[in-house]
Amino acid sequence: MKIRDVMTKELIKSNPDSELEDAMKIMITKGIRRLVVGDLLGIVTVRDLVYGWLEGKKAG
């Protein structure tokens, strides 16, 4: 079996300047746990968003 046999082909992207809340809304609406950021700048996960939000609350 190859990676191409199990990979997701329809990528959902987010802008790197988007707010955490907007990324979370996209994930909830689309029923996904990961978003591609920009043109493959990186990947953000639900866990990344939760910890990023919590860190922001601690700093603010």
C-alpha atoms as a PDB file:
ATOM      1  CA  MET A   1       0.000   0.000   0.000  1.00  0.00           C
ATOM      2  CA  LYS A   2       1.239   3.494  -0.843  1.00  0.00           C
ATOM      3  CA  ILE A   3       0.688   6.799   0.959  1.00  0.00           C
ATOM      4  CA  ARG A   4      -1.279   8.039  -2.057  1.00  0.00           C
ATOM      5  CA  ASP A   5      -3.807   5.271  -1.362  1.00  0.00           C
ATOM      6  CA  VAL A   6      -4.788   6.756   2.001  1.00  0.00           C
ATOM      7  CA  MET A   7      -3.950  10.477   1.736  1.00  0.00           C
ATOM      8  CA  THR A   8      -6.536  13.229   1.625  1.00  0.00           C
ATOM      9  CA  LYS A   9      -6.681  14.753  -1.820  1.00  0.00           C
ATOM     10  CA  GLU A  10      -9.014  17.691  -1.161  1.00  0.00           C
ATOM     11  CA  LEU A  11      -6.982  20.004   1.043  1.00  0.00           C
ATOM     12  CA  ILE A  12      -8.671  22.734   3.022  1.00  0.00           C
ATOM     13  CA  LYS A  13      -6.428  25.751   3.527  1.00  0.00           C
ATOM     14  CA  SER A  14      -6.304  28.615   5.978  1.00  0.00           C
ATOM     15  CA  ASN A  15      -4.541  31.954   5.772  1.00  0.00           C
ATOM     16  CA  PRO A  16      -1.546  32.219   8.148  1.00  0.00           C
ATOM     17  CA  ASP A  17      -2.941  35.544   9.409  1.00  0.00           C
ATOM     18  CA  SER A  18      -6.347  34.068  10.298  1.00  0.00           C
ATOM     19  CA  GLU A  19      -7.586  34.146  13.885  1.00  0.00           C
ATOM     20  CA  LEU A  20      -7.547  30.881  15.850  1.00  0.00           C
ATOM     21  CA  GLU A  21     -11.331  31.061  16.189  1.00  0.00           C
ATOM     22  CA  ASP A  22     -11.772  31.217  12.405  1.00  0.00           C
ATOM     23  CA  ALA A  23      -9.575  28.149  11.900  1.00  0.00           C
ATOM     24  CA  MET A  24     -11.548  26.256  14.547  1.00  0.00           C
ATOM     25  CA  LYS A  25     -14.838  27.187  12.852  1.00  0.00           C
ATOM     26  CA  ILE A  26     -13.531  25.817   9.548  1.00  0.00           C
ATOM     27  CA  MET A  27     -12.501  22.568  11.225  1.00  0.00           C
ATOM     28  CA  ILE A  28     -15.858  22.156  12.951  1.00  0.00           C
ATOM     29  CA  THR A  29     -17.847  22.998   9.815  1.00  0.00           C
ATOM     30  CA  LYS A  30     -15.835  20.653   7.597  1.00  0.00           C
ATOM     31  CA  GLY A  31     -15.476  17.899  10.224  1.00  0.00           C
ATOM     32  CA  ILE A  32     -11.679  17.878  10.020  1.00  0.00           C
ATOM     33  CA  ARG A  33      -8.837  18.005  12.570  1.00  0.00           C
ATOM     34  CA  ARG A  34      -6.073  19.557  10.448  1.00  0.00           C
ATOM     35  CA  LEU A  35      -5.722  22.562   8.159  1.00  0.00           C
ATOM     36  CA  VAL A  36      -3.020  23.356   5.645  1.00  0.00           C
ATOM     37  CA  VAL A  37      -1.693  26.861   6.282  1.00  0.00           C
ATOM     38  CA  GLY A  38      -1.083  29.017   3.215  1.00  0.00           C
ATOM     39  CA  ASP A  39       0.567  27.348   0.246  1.00  0.00           C
ATOM     40  CA  LEU A  40       1.993  24.494   2.319  1.00  0.00           C
ATOM     41  CA  LEU A  41       3.653  26.755   4.884  1.00  0.00           C
ATOM     42  CA  GLY A  42       2.582  24.289   7.555  1.00  0.00           C
ATOM     43  CA  ILE A  43      -0.254  22.330   9.118  1.00  0.00           C
ATOM     44  CA  VAL A  44      -2.315  23.347  12.132  1.00  0.00           C
ATOM     45  CA  THR A  45      -4.217  20.807  14.232  1.00  0.00           C
ATOM     46  CA  VAL A  46      -7.094  21.086  16.680  1.00  0.00           C
ATOM     47  CA  ARG A  47      -4.574  20.488  19.462  1.00  0.00           C
ATOM     48  CA  ASP A  48      -2.385  23.350  18.179  1.00  0.00           C
ATOM     49  CA  LEU A  49      -5.383  25.669  18.268  1.00  0.00           C
ATOM     50  CA  VAL A  50      -6.442  24.664  21.780  1.00  0.00           C
ATOM     51  CA  TYR A  51      -2.952  25.082  23.229  1.00  0.00           C
ATOM     52  CA  GLY A  52      -2.411  28.314  21.293  1.00  0.00           C
ATOM     53  CA  TRP A  53      -5.676  29.683  22.663  1.00  0.00           C
ATOM     54  CA  LEU A  54      -4.786  28.651  26.216  1.00  0.00           C
ATOM     55  CA  GLU A  55      -1.333  30.234  25.953  1.00  0.00           C
ATOM     56  CA  GLY A  56      -2.939  33.426  24.654  1.00  0.00           C
ATOM     57  CA  LYS A  57      -5.280  33.478  27.653  1.00  0.00           C
ATOM     58  CA  LYS A  58      -2.328  33.094  30.049  1.00  0.00           C
ATOM     59  CA  ALA A  59      -0.383  35.918  28.370  1.00  0.00           C
ATOM     60  CA  GLY A  60      -3.362  38.277  28.097  1.00  0.00           C
END
